[in-house]
Structure formats: structure tokens, C-alpha cells
Amino acid sequence: RDCSIFYMRRKVQKDLGDQNRLISRFNVDPLNW
């Protein structure tokens, strides 16, 4: 059984990971839009 706090932390980590991927993709070449 999953405790809700553990689930929330997993979800937040996943969301942050997605955001970091987006940010790093933009930071590779921010002038090449």
C-alpha cells in the first residue's frame, strides 16, 4: 500500500524531471528558436 506522501513526492519528482528536461532543451541553444 502506498502512502499518499510517498505518492505525492514521486509525482512532484516526475514533474520536476520533465521541467528540467524542457529547460535543458531550451538552454542548449536558446537563440535558435
PDB file of N, CA and C in Angstrom:
ATOM      1  N   ARG A   1       0.835  -1.201   0.000  1.00  0.00           N
ATOM      2  CA  ARG A   1       0.000   0.000   0.000  1.00  0.00           C
ATOM      3  C   ARG A   1       0.864   1.243   0.000  1.00  0.00           C
ATOM      4  N   ASP A   2       0.544   2.174  -0.846  1.00  0.00           N
ATOM      5  CA  ASP A   2       1.331   3.407  -0.960  1.00  0.00           C
ATOM      6  C   ASP A   2       0.778   4.458  -0.026  1.00  0.00           C
ATOM      7  N   CYS A   3       1.655   5.107   0.672  1.00  0.00           N
ATOM      8  CA  CYS A   3       1.191   6.223   1.485  1.00  0.00           C
ATOM      9  C   CYS A   3       1.131   7.460   0.583  1.00  0.00           C
ATOM     10  N   SER A   4       0.179   8.332   0.845  1.00  0.00           N
ATOM     11  CA  SER A   4      -0.083   9.439  -0.079  1.00  0.00           C
ATOM     12  C   SER A   4       1.115  10.378  -0.176  1.00  0.00           C
ATOM     13  N   ILE A   5       1.857  10.551   0.912  1.00  0.00           N
ATOM     14  CA  ILE A   5       3.015  11.453   0.880  1.00  0.00           C
ATOM     15  C   ILE A   5       4.069  10.908  -0.082  1.00  0.00           C
ATOM     16  N   PHE A   6       4.297   9.595  -0.024  1.00  0.00           N
ATOM     17  CA  PHE A   6       5.267   8.987  -0.930  1.00  0.00           C
ATOM     18  C   PHE A   6       4.818   9.184  -2.376  1.00  0.00           C
ATOM     19  N   TYR A   7       3.520   8.963  -2.628  1.00  0.00           N
ATOM     20  CA  TYR A   7       2.992   9.124  -3.985  1.00  0.00           C
ATOM     21  C   TYR A   7       3.149  10.569  -4.456  1.00  0.00           C
ATOM     22  N   MET A   8       2.820  11.517  -3.584  1.00  0.00           N
ATOM     23  CA  MET A   8       2.951  12.923  -3.957  1.00  0.00           C
ATOM     24  C   MET A   8       4.399  13.265  -4.291  1.00  0.00           C
ATOM     25  N   ARG A   9       5.321  12.761  -3.482  1.00  0.00           N
ATOM     26  CA  ARG A   9       6.733  13.064  -3.749  1.00  0.00           C
ATOM     27  C   ARG A   9       7.171  12.467  -5.073  1.00  0.00           C
ATOM     28  N   ARG A  10       6.699  11.254  -5.381  1.00  0.00           N
ATOM     29  CA  ARG A  10       7.050  10.649  -6.666  1.00  0.00           C
ATOM     30  C   ARG A  10       6.516  11.508  -7.810  1.00  0.00           C
ATOM     31  N   LYS A  11       5.273  11.962  -7.661  1.00  0.00           N
ATOM     32  CA  LYS A  11       4.666  12.764  -8.723  1.00  0.00           C
ATOM     33  C   LYS A  11       5.422  14.078  -8.896  1.00  0.00           C
ATOM     34  N   VAL A  12       5.761  14.728  -7.787  1.00  0.00           N
ATOM     35  CA  VAL A  12       6.474  16.003  -7.874  1.00  0.00           C
ATOM     36  C   VAL A  12       7.840  15.801  -8.513  1.00  0.00           C
ATOM     37  N   GLN A  13       8.534  14.734  -8.129  1.00  0.00           N
ATOM     38  CA  GLN A  13       9.845  14.476  -8.726  1.00  0.00           C
ATOM     39  C   GLN A  13       9.711  14.256 -10.224  1.00  0.00           C
ATOM     40  N   LYS A  14       8.665  13.525 -10.639  1.00  0.00           N
ATOM     41  CA  LYS A  14       8.476  13.278 -12.063  1.00  0.00           C
ATOM     42  C   LYS A  14       8.208  14.593 -12.789  1.00  0.00           C
ATOM     43  N   ASP A  15       7.340  15.441 -12.206  1.00  0.00           N
ATOM     44  CA  ASP A  15       7.037  16.717 -12.844  1.00  0.00           C
ATOM     45  C   ASP A  15       8.293  17.584 -12.943  1.00  0.00           C
ATOM     46  N   LEU A  16       9.091  17.610 -11.871  1.00  0.00           N
ATOM     47  CA  LEU A  16      10.315  18.405 -11.892  1.00  0.00           C
ATOM     48  C   LEU A  16      11.273  17.863 -12.939  1.00  0.00           C
ATOM     49  N   GLY A  17      11.342  16.548 -13.070  1.00  0.00           N
ATOM     50  CA  GLY A  17      12.209  15.954 -14.081  1.00  0.00           C
ATOM     51  C   GLY A  17      11.793  16.396 -15.476  1.00  0.00           C
ATOM     52  N   ASP A  18      10.483  16.417 -15.734  1.00  0.00           N
ATOM     53  CA  ASP A  18      10.011  16.851 -17.045  1.00  0.00           C
ATOM     54  C   ASP A  18      10.361  18.314 -17.272  1.00  0.00           C
ATOM     55  N   GLN A  19      10.172  19.144 -16.259  1.00  0.00           N
ATOM     56  CA  GLN A  19      10.500  20.565 -16.391  1.00  0.00           C
ATOM     57  C   GLN A  19      11.983  20.741 -16.665  1.00  0.00           C
ATOM     58  N   ASN A  20      12.821  19.997 -15.942  1.00  0.00           N
ATOM     59  CA  ASN A  20      14.264  20.131 -16.142  1.00  0.00           C
ATOM     60  C   ASN A  20      14.640  19.722 -17.558  1.00  0.00           C
ATOM     61  N   ARG A  21      13.953  18.712 -18.100  1.00  0.00           N
ATOM     62  CA  ARG A  21      14.258  18.293 -19.455  1.00  0.00           C
ATOM     63  C   ARG A  21      13.894  19.415 -20.430  1.00  0.00           C
ATOM     64  N   LEU A  22      12.740  20.036 -20.211  1.00  0.00           N
ATOM     65  CA  LEU A  22      12.342  21.145 -21.084  1.00  0.00           C
ATOM     66  C   LEU A  22      13.346  22.285 -20.985  1.00  0.00           C
ATOM     67  N   ILE A  23      13.699  22.666 -19.766  1.00  0.00           N
ATOM     68  CA  ILE A  23      14.606  23.796 -19.563  1.00  0.00           C
ATOM     69  C   ILE A  23      15.964  23.502 -20.188  1.00  0.00           C
ATOM     70  N   SER A  24      16.479  22.298 -19.976  1.00  0.00           N
ATOM     71  CA  SER A  24      17.795  21.982 -20.524  1.00  0.00           C
ATOM     72  C   SER A  24      17.728  21.973 -22.046  1.00  0.00           C
ATOM     73  N   ARG A  25      16.598  21.551 -22.617  1.00  0.00           N
ATOM     74  CA  ARG A  25      16.471  21.553 -24.066  1.00  0.00           C
ATOM     75  C   ARG A  25      16.507  22.992 -24.592  1.00  0.00           C
ATOM     76  N   PHE A  26      15.873  23.919 -23.870  1.00  0.00           N
ATOM     77  CA  PHE A  26      15.911  25.315 -24.306  1.00  0.00           C
ATOM     78  C   PHE A  26      17.295  25.915 -24.090  1.00  0.00           C
ATOM     79  N   ASN A  27      17.963  25.504 -23.018  1.00  0.00           N
ATOM     80  CA  ASN A  27      19.262  26.093 -22.698  1.00  0.00           C
ATOM     81  C   ASN A  27      20.364  25.602 -23.620  1.00  0.00           C
ATOM     82  N   VAL A  28      20.124  24.540 -24.361  1.00  0.00           N
ATOM     83  CA  VAL A  28      21.168  24.059 -25.267  1.00  0.00           C
ATOM     84  C   VAL A  28      21.478  25.135 -26.304  1.00  0.00           C
ATOM     85  N   ASP A  29      20.458  25.716 -26.901  1.00  0.00           N
ATOM     86  CA  ASP A  29      20.665  26.774 -27.892  1.00  0.00           C
ATOM     87  C   ASP A  29      19.484  27.739 -27.836  1.00  0.00           C
ATOM     88  N   PRO A  30      19.444  28.623 -26.855  1.00  0.00           N
ATOM     89  CA  PRO A  30      18.268  29.479 -26.667  1.00  0.00           C
ATOM     90  C   PRO A  30      18.060  30.475 -27.798  1.00  0.00           C
ATOM     91  N   LEU A  31      19.089  30.757 -28.590  1.00  0.00           N
ATOM     92  CA  LEU A  31      18.932  31.728 -29.666  1.00  0.00           C
ATOM     93  C   LEU A  31      18.405  31.085 -30.937  1.00  0.00           C
ATOM     94  N   ASN A  32      18.385  29.769 -30.988  1.00  0.00           N
ATOM     95  CA  ASN A  32      17.993  29.076 -32.221  1.00  0.00           C
ATOM     96  C   ASN A  32      16.523  28.687 -32.152  1.00  0.00           C
ATOM     97  N   TRP A  33      15.638  29.694 -32.032  1.00  0.00           N
ATOM     98  CA  TRP A  33      14.204  29.412 -31.993  1.00  0.00           C
ATOM     99  C   TRP A  33      13.672  29.375 -33.408  1.00  0.00           C
TER     100      TRP A  33
END
